[in-house]
């Protein structure tokens, strides 16, 4: 291996932990919710698969949202007790139905 090749490798940013430290913000999701999942009068929060530790039943399809699967938690703005865990695609269908868009 030539000296030039060694020098190039040592200057690659992914081999320098200090250079990689600021990339977390670039790779992180922009927000908690996709614009496509928002519905007036409801709070919608995304739950990543790593944080999903229990099984839930989706109110739309009646199927299980298994532990480890990313999904959304939805509740009316005024009532946190009505929180429900939905598959993302099921909630997206509900948003489209409620907003008058075709599903």
N, C-alpha and C. Protein backbone atom coordinates (compact mmCIF):
# COMPACT_ATOMS: atom_id res chain seq x y z
N UNK A 1 0.85 -1.17 0.00
CA UNK A 1 0.00 0.00 0.00
C UNK A 1 0.89 1.24 0.00
N UNK A 2 0.57 2.19 -0.82
CA UNK A 2 1.39 3.40 -0.91
C UNK A 2 1.10 4.35 0.25
N UNK A 3 2.01 5.27 0.49
CA UNK A 3 1.81 6.25 1.56
C UNK A 3 0.61 7.13 1.28
N UNK A 4 0.36 7.43 0.03
CA UNK A 4 -0.79 8.26 -0.34
C UNK A 4 -2.11 7.60 0.02
N UNK A 5 -2.20 6.28 -0.19
CA UNK A 5 -3.43 5.56 0.14
C UNK A 5 -3.69 5.59 1.64
N UNK A 6 -2.64 5.42 2.43
CA UNK A 6 -2.80 5.47 3.90
C UNK A 6 -3.27 6.85 4.34
N UNK A 7 -2.71 7.88 3.74
CA UNK A 7 -3.08 9.24 4.11
C UNK A 7 -4.55 9.50 3.78
N UNK A 8 -5.00 9.07 2.60
CA UNK A 8 -6.40 9.26 2.22
C UNK A 8 -7.33 8.57 3.21
N UNK A 9 -7.01 7.34 3.56
CA UNK A 9 -7.87 6.59 4.47
C UNK A 9 -7.98 7.25 5.83
N UNK A 10 -6.89 7.80 6.31
CA UNK A 10 -6.92 8.38 7.64
C UNK A 10 -7.70 9.69 7.68
N UNK A 11 -7.96 10.28 6.53
CA UNK A 11 -8.69 11.55 6.51
C UNK A 11 -10.15 11.39 6.14
N UNK A 12 -10.62 10.17 5.96
CA UNK A 12 -12.03 9.96 5.63
C UNK A 12 -12.90 10.31 6.83
N UNK A 13 -13.96 11.08 6.63
CA UNK A 13 -14.76 11.55 7.77
C UNK A 13 -15.39 10.44 8.59
N UNK A 14 -15.77 9.33 7.98
CA UNK A 14 -16.42 8.26 8.74
C UNK A 14 -15.45 7.51 9.64
N UNK A 15 -14.16 7.77 9.47
CA UNK A 15 -13.17 7.16 10.36
C UNK A 15 -12.78 8.11 11.49
N UNK A 16 -13.36 9.29 11.51
CA UNK A 16 -13.07 10.28 12.54
C UNK A 16 -14.34 10.50 13.37
N UNK A 17 -14.38 10.01 14.60
CA UNK A 17 -15.59 10.13 15.42
C UNK A 17 -16.03 11.57 15.63
N UNK A 18 -15.07 12.51 15.73
CA UNK A 18 -15.45 13.92 15.93
C UNK A 18 -16.18 14.48 14.72
N UNK A 19 -15.78 14.06 13.53
CA UNK A 19 -16.44 14.53 12.32
C UNK A 19 -17.85 13.96 12.20
N UNK A 20 -18.05 12.76 12.72
CA UNK A 20 -19.36 12.10 12.61
C UNK A 20 -20.35 12.58 13.67
N UNK A 21 -19.87 13.23 14.70
CA UNK A 21 -20.72 13.60 15.83
C UNK A 21 -21.91 14.45 15.41
N UNK A 22 -21.77 15.36 14.45
CA UNK A 22 -22.85 16.25 14.04
C UNK A 22 -23.81 15.64 13.03
N UNK A 23 -23.58 14.43 12.56
CA UNK A 23 -24.44 13.85 11.54
C UNK A 23 -25.76 13.32 12.09
N UNK A 24 -25.85 13.11 13.38
CA UNK A 24 -27.08 12.59 13.96
C UNK A 24 -28.28 13.46 13.66
N UNK A 25 -28.09 14.77 13.68
CA UNK A 25 -29.19 15.69 13.38
C UNK A 25 -29.64 15.58 11.93
N UNK A 26 -28.71 15.32 11.04
CA UNK A 26 -29.07 15.17 9.63
C UNK A 26 -29.84 13.89 9.36
N UNK A 27 -29.53 12.85 10.10
CA UNK A 27 -30.15 11.55 9.88
C UNK A 27 -31.44 11.38 10.67
N UNK A 28 -31.68 12.23 11.65
CA UNK A 28 -32.88 12.12 12.48
C UNK A 28 -34.10 12.56 11.68
N UNK A 29 -35.27 12.00 11.99
CA UNK A 29 -36.48 12.43 11.31
C UNK A 29 -36.75 13.91 11.55
N UNK A 30 -37.36 14.56 10.59
CA UNK A 30 -37.61 16.00 10.68
C UNK A 30 -38.59 16.34 11.79
N UNK A 31 -39.57 15.51 12.04
CA UNK A 31 -40.55 15.78 13.07
C UNK A 31 -41.15 14.50 13.58
N UNK A 32 -42.06 14.63 14.52
CA UNK A 32 -42.69 13.44 15.09
C UNK A 32 -43.70 12.81 14.15
N UNK A 33 -44.28 13.61 13.26
CA UNK A 33 -45.39 13.13 12.44
C UNK A 33 -45.21 13.58 11.00
N UNK A 34 -45.60 12.73 10.08
CA UNK A 34 -45.64 13.11 8.67
C UNK A 34 -46.84 14.02 8.46
N UNK A 35 -46.72 14.99 7.55
CA UNK A 35 -47.84 15.88 7.27
C UNK A 35 -49.06 15.08 6.80
N UNK A 36 -48.81 13.98 6.14
CA UNK A 36 -49.88 13.15 5.61
C UNK A 36 -50.72 12.48 6.71
N UNK A 37 -50.19 12.44 7.93
CA UNK A 37 -50.88 11.77 9.03
C UNK A 37 -51.60 12.74 9.97
N UNK A 38 -51.52 14.03 9.71
CA UNK A 38 -52.15 15.01 10.59
C UNK A 38 -53.63 15.16 10.26
N UNK A 39 -54.43 15.32 11.32
CA UNK A 39 -55.87 15.51 11.17
C UNK A 39 -56.31 16.52 12.22
N UNK A 40 -57.06 17.53 11.79
CA UNK A 40 -57.52 18.57 12.71
C UNK A 40 -58.28 17.97 13.88
N UNK A 41 -57.98 18.45 15.07
CA UNK A 41 -58.67 17.99 16.27
C UNK A 41 -58.04 16.78 16.92
N UNK A 42 -56.97 16.24 16.33
CA UNK A 42 -56.30 15.05 16.88
C UNK A 42 -54.82 15.30 17.06
N UNK A 43 -54.27 14.73 18.10
CA UNK A 43 -52.83 14.67 18.31
C UNK A 43 -52.36 13.35 17.73
N UNK A 44 -51.27 13.38 16.99
CA UNK A 44 -50.72 12.17 16.38
C UNK A 44 -49.23 12.12 16.69
N UNK A 45 -48.79 11.03 17.28
CA UNK A 45 -47.37 10.85 17.59
C UNK A 45 -46.89 9.55 17.00
N UNK A 46 -45.70 9.60 16.42
CA UNK A 46 -45.08 8.42 15.84
C UNK A 46 -44.37 7.63 16.94
N UNK A 47 -44.50 6.32 16.89
CA UNK A 47 -43.80 5.42 17.81
C UNK A 47 -42.87 4.56 16.96
N UNK A 48 -41.57 4.70 17.18
CA UNK A 48 -40.59 3.90 16.44
C UNK A 48 -40.61 2.47 16.95
N UNK A 49 -40.19 1.55 16.12
CA UNK A 49 -40.20 0.13 16.46
C UNK A 49 -39.45 -0.21 17.72
N UNK A 50 -38.35 0.48 17.99
CA UNK A 50 -37.56 0.19 19.19
C UNK A 50 -38.33 0.53 20.46
N UNK A 51 -39.22 1.53 20.37
CA UNK A 51 -39.98 1.95 21.55
C UNK A 51 -41.31 1.21 21.69
N UNK A 52 -41.71 0.47 20.68
CA UNK A 52 -42.98 -0.26 20.72
C UNK A 52 -42.77 -1.59 21.43
N UNK A 53 -43.11 -1.64 22.72
CA UNK A 53 -42.78 -2.81 23.53
C UNK A 53 -43.98 -3.69 23.84
N UNK A 54 -45.18 -3.28 23.43
CA UNK A 54 -46.38 -4.07 23.69
C UNK A 54 -47.17 -4.28 22.40
N UNK A 55 -48.03 -5.27 22.42
CA UNK A 55 -48.98 -5.46 21.31
C UNK A 55 -50.21 -4.59 21.57
N UNK A 56 -50.78 -4.05 20.49
CA UNK A 56 -52.01 -3.27 20.57
C UNK A 56 -52.94 -3.75 19.48
N UNK A 57 -54.21 -3.41 19.58
CA UNK A 57 -55.19 -3.73 18.54
C UNK A 57 -55.53 -2.44 17.82
N UNK A 58 -55.34 -2.43 16.51
CA UNK A 58 -55.65 -1.27 15.68
C UNK A 58 -57.16 -1.11 15.59
N UNK A 59 -57.70 0.08 15.91
CA UNK A 59 -59.15 0.27 15.85
C UNK A 59 -59.72 0.26 14.43
N UNK A 60 -58.89 0.48 13.43
CA UNK A 60 -59.36 0.50 12.04
C UNK A 60 -59.58 -0.90 11.49
N UNK A 61 -58.54 -1.73 11.56
CA UNK A 61 -58.62 -3.05 10.92
C UNK A 61 -58.88 -4.18 11.90
N UNK A 62 -58.69 -3.92 13.20
CA UNK A 62 -58.92 -4.96 14.20
C UNK A 62 -57.76 -5.95 14.33
N UNK A 63 -56.71 -5.74 13.57
CA UNK A 63 -55.53 -6.61 13.65
C UNK A 63 -54.55 -6.09 14.69
N UNK A 64 -53.64 -6.94 15.08
CA UNK A 64 -52.65 -6.58 16.09
C UNK A 64 -51.56 -5.68 15.51
N UNK A 65 -51.21 -4.66 16.28
CA UNK A 65 -50.00 -3.89 16.02
C UNK A 65 -48.95 -4.53 16.92
N UNK A 66 -48.09 -5.39 16.38
CA UNK A 66 -47.19 -6.17 17.23
C UNK A 66 -46.08 -5.31 17.84
N UNK A 67 -45.58 -5.77 18.97
CA UNK A 67 -44.42 -5.12 19.59
C UNK A 67 -43.28 -5.11 18.59
N UNK A 68 -42.56 -4.01 18.53
CA UNK A 68 -41.44 -3.88 17.61
C UNK A 68 -41.80 -3.28 16.27
N UNK A 69 -43.08 -3.04 16.00
CA UNK A 69 -43.50 -2.43 14.73
C UNK A 69 -43.79 -0.96 14.95
N UNK A 70 -43.23 -0.11 14.09
CA UNK A 70 -43.51 1.32 14.22
C UNK A 70 -44.97 1.57 13.85
N UNK A 71 -45.58 2.54 14.55
CA UNK A 71 -46.99 2.85 14.36
C UNK A 71 -47.24 4.27 14.87
N UNK A 72 -48.49 4.68 14.93
CA UNK A 72 -48.82 6.00 15.47
C UNK A 72 -49.80 5.85 16.62
N UNK A 73 -49.72 6.81 17.54
CA UNK A 73 -50.67 6.90 18.64
C UNK A 73 -51.49 8.15 18.39
N UNK A 74 -52.82 8.01 18.45
CA UNK A 74 -53.72 9.09 18.09
C UNK A 74 -54.73 9.30 19.21
N UNK A 75 -55.04 10.57 19.49
CA UNK A 75 -56.08 10.87 20.47
C UNK A 75 -56.66 12.24 20.17
N UNK A 76 -57.94 12.46 20.56
CA UNK A 76 -58.53 13.79 20.40
C UNK A 76 -57.78 14.79 21.27
N UNK A 77 -57.66 16.01 20.80
CA UNK A 77 -56.88 17.03 21.49
C UNK A 77 -57.33 17.19 22.94
N UNK A 78 -58.60 17.15 23.20
CA UNK A 78 -59.12 17.43 24.54
C UNK A 78 -59.15 16.21 25.46
N UNK A 79 -58.86 15.01 24.96
CA UNK A 79 -59.06 13.82 25.79
C UNK A 79 -57.96 12.79 25.60
N UNK A 80 -56.95 12.84 26.48
CA UNK A 80 -55.83 11.88 26.40
C UNK A 80 -56.26 10.46 26.71
N UNK A 81 -57.38 10.29 27.41
CA UNK A 81 -57.83 8.94 27.76
C UNK A 81 -58.29 8.13 26.55
N UNK A 82 -58.52 8.79 25.44
CA UNK A 82 -58.97 8.10 24.23
C UNK A 82 -57.82 7.78 23.27
N UNK A 83 -56.60 7.67 23.81
CA UNK A 83 -55.44 7.31 22.98
C UNK A 83 -55.64 5.93 22.38
N UNK A 84 -55.32 5.80 21.10
CA UNK A 84 -55.37 4.52 20.42
C UNK A 84 -54.13 4.35 19.56
N UNK A 85 -53.67 3.13 19.45
CA UNK A 85 -52.49 2.79 18.64
C UNK A 85 -52.97 2.26 17.29
N UNK A 86 -52.55 2.89 16.22
CA UNK A 86 -52.98 2.57 14.86
C UNK A 86 -51.78 2.15 14.02
N UNK A 87 -52.03 1.24 13.06
CA UNK A 87 -51.04 1.04 12.00
C UNK A 87 -50.96 2.37 11.24
N UNK A 88 -49.79 2.70 10.76
CA UNK A 88 -49.65 3.96 10.02
C UNK A 88 -50.56 4.00 8.80
N UNK A 89 -50.60 2.90 8.04
CA UNK A 89 -51.42 2.90 6.83
C UNK A 89 -52.90 2.99 7.16
N UNK A 90 -53.32 2.40 8.26
CA UNK A 90 -54.73 2.49 8.67
C UNK A 90 -55.10 3.92 9.05
N UNK A 91 -54.22 4.59 9.79
CA UNK A 91 -54.49 5.98 10.17
C UNK A 91 -54.47 6.88 8.93
N UNK A 92 -53.57 6.60 7.99
CA UNK A 92 -53.52 7.38 6.75
C UNK A 92 -54.85 7.26 6.00
N UNK A 93 -55.42 6.05 5.96
CA UNK A 93 -56.73 5.87 5.32
C UNK A 93 -57.82 6.66 6.04
N UNK A 94 -57.77 6.67 7.37
CA UNK A 94 -58.75 7.43 8.15
C UNK A 94 -58.64 8.94 7.89
N UNK A 95 -57.42 9.42 7.79
CA UNK A 95 -57.19 10.85 7.50
C UNK A 95 -57.75 11.19 6.12
N UNK A 96 -57.50 10.35 5.15
CA UNK A 96 -58.00 10.60 3.79
C UNK A 96 -59.53 10.59 3.76
N UNK A 97 -60.12 9.63 4.47
CA UNK A 97 -61.58 9.57 4.54
C UNK A 97 -62.15 10.81 5.20
N UNK A 98 -61.56 11.20 6.31
CA UNK A 98 -62.07 12.34 7.08
C UNK A 98 -61.86 13.67 6.39
N UNK A 99 -60.81 13.78 5.57
CA UNK A 99 -60.53 15.03 4.89
C UNK A 99 -61.21 15.10 3.52
N UNK A 100 -61.88 14.04 3.12
CA UNK A 100 -62.61 14.04 1.85
C UNK A 100 -61.76 13.61 0.67
N UNK A 101 -60.51 13.25 0.88
CA UNK A 101 -59.65 12.80 -0.22
C UNK A 101 -59.97 11.35 -0.54
N UNK A 102 -59.69 10.94 -1.76
CA UNK A 102 -59.91 9.53 -2.14
C UNK A 102 -58.88 8.65 -1.47
N UNK A 103 -59.30 7.49 -1.03
CA UNK A 103 -58.38 6.54 -0.39
C UNK A 103 -57.72 5.70 -1.35
